[in-house]
Amino acid sequence: MLRGSGHLIALGGASTWALLDQTGAGVLPGAGSKVGALRIVLTIETGTLAGLAQGAILTVASYQYRVRESRAIEDGLLTRIFCERT
C-alpha cells in the first residue's frame, strides 16, 4: 500500500515505508503565542515494523525519532506513530 511512497524508516534491522507529517503548532492559546511545538506523525501499514513499541528509536532520512505512542487507525490497515526528535 505505501511501498515506494514517502520515506523508508528503520527500527533495528527492520524497515518499512512511511508517510511523514510534521506540523508546527502554538502551545499557548492566543494569537501572540510564540511557544511552538513540532508534531511528528508517521503512518505505516500495520504489522510491517517488528519491534515497534513506546520508547523505540526510529531512523527516518538520517534523523532519529523516539516513539511516544502508536495506534491503529480506521479499519486497522494503517498505524499512526506519534514521535519526538531525539
N, C-alpha and C. Protein backbone atom coordinates (compact mmCIF):
# COMPACT_ATOMS: atom_id res chain seq x y z
N MET A 1 0.83 -1.19 0.00
CA MET A 1 0.00 0.00 0.00
C MET A 1 0.87 1.26 0.00
N LEU A 2 1.85 1.35 0.90
CA LEU A 2 2.71 2.53 0.97
C LEU A 2 4.07 2.29 0.31
N ARG A 3 4.30 1.11 -0.20
CA ARG A 3 5.60 0.76 -0.77
C ARG A 3 6.01 1.77 -1.84
N GLY A 4 7.18 2.34 -1.67
CA GLY A 4 7.70 3.31 -2.63
C GLY A 4 7.19 4.72 -2.42
N SER A 5 6.30 4.90 -1.44
CA SER A 5 5.78 6.24 -1.13
C SER A 5 6.43 6.76 0.14
N GLY A 6 6.64 8.04 0.22
CA GLY A 6 7.12 8.62 1.46
C GLY A 6 8.57 8.30 1.75
N HIS A 7 8.84 7.89 3.00
CA HIS A 7 10.20 7.67 3.48
C HIS A 7 10.37 6.23 3.94
N LEU A 8 11.57 5.72 3.73
CA LEU A 8 11.92 4.42 4.28
C LEU A 8 12.34 4.65 5.73
N ILE A 9 11.72 3.95 6.67
CA ILE A 9 12.08 4.10 8.09
C ILE A 9 12.65 2.79 8.60
N ALA A 10 13.52 2.88 9.59
CA ALA A 10 14.18 1.69 10.13
C ALA A 10 14.06 1.65 11.64
N LEU A 11 13.92 0.42 12.14
CA LEU A 11 13.91 0.15 13.58
C LEU A 11 14.73 -1.12 13.77
N GLY A 12 15.96 -0.95 14.28
CA GLY A 12 16.86 -2.11 14.38
C GLY A 12 17.14 -2.62 12.97
N GLY A 13 16.90 -3.90 12.73
CA GLY A 13 17.12 -4.48 11.41
C GLY A 13 15.89 -4.47 10.53
N ALA A 14 14.76 -3.98 11.04
CA ALA A 14 13.51 -3.95 10.27
C ALA A 14 13.33 -2.59 9.60
N SER A 15 12.68 -2.59 8.45
CA SER A 15 12.38 -1.32 7.78
C SER A 15 11.04 -1.43 7.04
N THR A 16 10.45 -0.28 6.80
CA THR A 16 9.19 -0.21 6.07
C THR A 16 9.02 1.20 5.52
N TRP A 17 8.05 1.39 4.68
CA TRP A 17 7.75 2.71 4.11
C TRP A 17 6.75 3.43 4.99
N ALA A 18 6.90 4.75 5.08
CA ALA A 18 6.01 5.55 5.93
C ALA A 18 5.76 6.92 5.30
N LEU A 19 4.61 7.46 5.60
CA LEU A 19 4.32 8.85 5.28
C LEU A 19 4.67 9.67 6.51
N LEU A 20 5.39 10.77 6.33
CA LEU A 20 5.84 11.61 7.43
C LEU A 20 5.08 12.93 7.40
N ASP A 21 4.48 13.27 8.53
CA ASP A 21 3.75 14.53 8.67
C ASP A 21 4.35 15.29 9.84
N GLN A 22 4.93 16.47 9.55
CA GLN A 22 5.49 17.33 10.59
C GLN A 22 4.72 18.64 10.56
N THR A 23 4.05 18.95 11.66
CA THR A 23 3.22 20.14 11.73
C THR A 23 3.63 20.97 12.93
N GLY A 24 3.85 22.25 12.73
CA GLY A 24 4.14 23.16 13.84
C GLY A 24 2.85 23.67 14.43
N ALA A 25 2.83 23.87 15.74
CA ALA A 25 1.62 24.35 16.40
C ALA A 25 1.99 25.20 17.60
N GLY A 26 1.18 26.23 17.86
CA GLY A 26 1.34 27.03 19.07
C GLY A 26 0.87 26.23 20.27
N VAL A 27 1.61 26.31 21.34
CA VAL A 27 1.25 25.55 22.54
C VAL A 27 0.35 26.36 23.45
N LEU A 28 0.62 27.65 23.56
CA LEU A 28 -0.19 28.51 24.41
C LEU A 28 -1.31 29.14 23.59
N PRO A 29 -2.49 29.30 24.17
CA PRO A 29 -3.60 29.89 23.42
C PRO A 29 -3.35 31.37 23.11
N GLY A 30 -3.95 31.83 22.04
CA GLY A 30 -3.86 33.25 21.68
C GLY A 30 -3.03 33.48 20.44
N ALA A 31 -3.34 34.56 19.77
CA ALA A 31 -2.68 34.88 18.51
C ALA A 31 -1.22 35.25 18.70
N GLY A 32 -0.82 35.73 19.87
CA GLY A 32 0.54 36.16 20.11
C GLY A 32 1.45 35.06 20.62
N SER A 33 0.99 33.83 20.62
CA SER A 33 1.77 32.73 21.16
C SER A 33 3.05 32.52 20.35
N LYS A 34 4.18 32.58 21.02
CA LYS A 34 5.46 32.35 20.36
C LYS A 34 6.02 30.97 20.71
N VAL A 35 5.44 30.32 21.68
CA VAL A 35 5.89 28.99 22.06
C VAL A 35 5.32 28.01 21.06
N GLY A 36 6.18 27.18 20.51
CA GLY A 36 5.72 26.25 19.50
C GLY A 36 6.13 24.82 19.79
N ALA A 37 5.51 23.93 19.08
CA ALA A 37 5.83 22.52 19.20
C ALA A 37 5.79 21.92 17.81
N LEU A 38 6.55 20.88 17.61
CA LEU A 38 6.55 20.17 16.34
C LEU A 38 5.85 18.84 16.55
N ARG A 39 4.77 18.64 15.84
CA ARG A 39 4.02 17.39 15.91
C ARG A 39 4.52 16.50 14.79
N ILE A 40 5.07 15.34 15.14
CA ILE A 40 5.64 14.41 14.17
C ILE A 40 4.83 13.13 14.18
N VAL A 41 4.24 12.81 13.03
CA VAL A 41 3.43 11.60 12.92
C VAL A 41 3.87 10.81 11.69
N LEU A 42 4.17 9.54 11.90
CA LEU A 42 4.48 8.63 10.80
C LEU A 42 3.29 7.70 10.61
N THR A 43 2.96 7.41 9.37
CA THR A 43 1.88 6.47 9.08
C THR A 43 2.46 5.29 8.31
N ILE A 44 2.26 4.08 8.85
CA ILE A 44 2.78 2.87 8.22
C ILE A 44 1.65 1.85 8.06
N GLU A 45 1.91 0.82 7.27
CA GLU A 45 0.98 -0.30 7.21
C GLU A 45 1.11 -1.08 8.51
N THR A 46 0.01 -1.39 9.12
CA THR A 46 0.00 -2.12 10.39
C THR A 46 0.74 -3.45 10.25
N GLY A 47 1.60 -3.74 11.21
CA GLY A 47 2.31 -5.01 11.24
C GLY A 47 3.58 -5.08 10.41
N THR A 48 3.99 -3.98 9.79
CA THR A 48 5.17 -4.02 8.92
C THR A 48 6.47 -3.61 9.62
N LEU A 49 6.40 -3.25 10.91
CA LEU A 49 7.60 -2.82 11.61
C LEU A 49 7.71 -3.57 12.94
N ALA A 50 8.39 -4.71 12.88
CA ALA A 50 8.56 -5.55 14.08
C ALA A 50 9.33 -4.78 15.14
N GLY A 51 8.92 -4.91 16.39
CA GLY A 51 9.61 -4.26 17.49
C GLY A 51 9.11 -2.87 17.81
N LEU A 52 8.07 -2.42 17.11
CA LEU A 52 7.51 -1.09 17.36
C LEU A 52 6.90 -1.05 18.76
N ALA A 53 7.41 -0.15 19.60
CA ALA A 53 6.91 -0.01 20.97
C ALA A 53 7.24 1.39 21.46
N GLN A 54 6.56 1.81 22.50
CA GLN A 54 6.83 3.12 23.11
C GLN A 54 8.29 3.18 23.54
N GLY A 55 8.96 4.28 23.19
CA GLY A 55 10.36 4.46 23.55
C GLY A 55 11.35 3.97 22.50
N ALA A 56 10.87 3.21 21.51
CA ALA A 56 11.76 2.72 20.45
C ALA A 56 12.30 3.89 19.64
N ILE A 57 13.50 3.74 19.09
CA ILE A 57 14.12 4.78 18.28
C ILE A 57 14.02 4.39 16.81
N LEU A 58 13.38 5.26 16.02
CA LEU A 58 13.23 5.06 14.58
C LEU A 58 14.20 5.97 13.84
N THR A 59 14.70 5.52 12.70
CA THR A 59 15.53 6.35 11.85
C THR A 59 14.77 6.64 10.57
N VAL A 60 14.64 7.93 10.26
CA VAL A 60 13.92 8.39 9.07
C VAL A 60 14.78 9.44 8.40
N ALA A 61 15.25 9.17 7.18
CA ALA A 61 16.06 10.12 6.42
C ALA A 61 17.21 10.68 7.27
N SER A 62 17.92 9.82 7.95
CA SER A 62 19.07 10.10 8.81
C SER A 62 18.75 10.87 10.09
N TYR A 63 17.47 11.11 10.39
CA TYR A 63 17.04 11.71 11.66
C TYR A 63 16.55 10.59 12.56
N GLN A 64 16.72 10.76 13.86
CA GLN A 64 16.23 9.78 14.81
C GLN A 64 15.03 10.34 15.58
N TYR A 65 14.03 9.48 15.74
CA TYR A 65 12.80 9.85 16.44
C TYR A 65 12.50 8.80 17.50
N ARG A 66 12.00 9.24 18.65
CA ARG A 66 11.58 8.33 19.72
C ARG A 66 10.06 8.18 19.63
N VAL A 67 9.59 6.94 19.69
CA VAL A 67 8.16 6.66 19.63
C VAL A 67 7.51 7.04 20.95
N ARG A 68 6.52 7.93 20.89
CA ARG A 68 5.74 8.29 22.08
C ARG A 68 4.53 7.39 22.21
N GLU A 69 3.91 7.10 21.07
CA GLU A 69 2.66 6.32 21.07
C GLU A 69 2.41 5.83 19.66
N SER A 70 1.77 4.69 19.53
CA SER A 70 1.33 4.22 18.22
C SER A 70 -0.07 3.63 18.36
N ARG A 71 -0.86 3.84 17.32
CA ARG A 71 -2.22 3.28 17.35
C ARG A 71 -2.75 3.04 15.95
N ALA A 72 -3.48 1.95 15.80
CA ALA A 72 -4.13 1.64 14.53
C ALA A 72 -5.23 2.66 14.26
N ILE A 73 -5.43 2.97 13.01
CA ILE A 73 -6.47 3.94 12.65
C ILE A 73 -7.51 3.29 11.76
N GLU A 74 -8.70 3.83 11.82
CA GLU A 74 -9.84 3.43 11.00
C GLU A 74 -10.05 1.93 10.99
N ASP A 75 -9.82 1.26 9.85
CA ASP A 75 -10.10 -0.17 9.76
C ASP A 75 -8.93 -1.05 10.21
N GLY A 76 -7.86 -0.43 10.73
CA GLY A 76 -6.73 -1.19 11.25
C GLY A 76 -5.65 -1.50 10.24
N LEU A 77 -5.82 -1.10 8.99
CA LEU A 77 -4.80 -1.37 7.97
C LEU A 77 -3.58 -0.47 8.12
N LEU A 78 -3.77 0.70 8.71
CA LEU A 78 -2.68 1.64 8.91
C LEU A 78 -2.49 1.93 10.39
N THR A 79 -1.25 2.28 10.75
CA THR A 79 -0.91 2.65 12.12
C THR A 79 -0.26 4.02 12.11
N ARG A 80 -0.68 4.87 13.01
CA ARG A 80 -0.04 6.18 13.19
C ARG A 80 0.94 6.06 14.35
N ILE A 81 2.14 6.60 14.13
CA ILE A 81 3.18 6.60 15.15
C ILE A 81 3.47 8.05 15.52
N PHE A 82 3.24 8.41 16.76
CA PHE A 82 3.49 9.77 17.25
C PHE A 82 4.89 9.78 17.85
N CYS A 83 5.74 10.69 17.36
CA CYS A 83 7.16 10.69 17.71
C CYS A 83 7.63 12.04 18.21
N GLU A 84 8.84 12.01 18.77
CA GLU A 84 9.55 13.24 19.12
C GLU A 84 10.99 13.05 18.65
N ARG A 85 11.61 14.17 18.27
CA ARG A 85 13.02 14.10 17.84
C ARG A 85 13.91 13.81 19.03
N THR A 86 14.96 13.01 18.79
CA THR A 86 15.90 12.70 19.87
C THR A 86 17.07 13.66 19.82
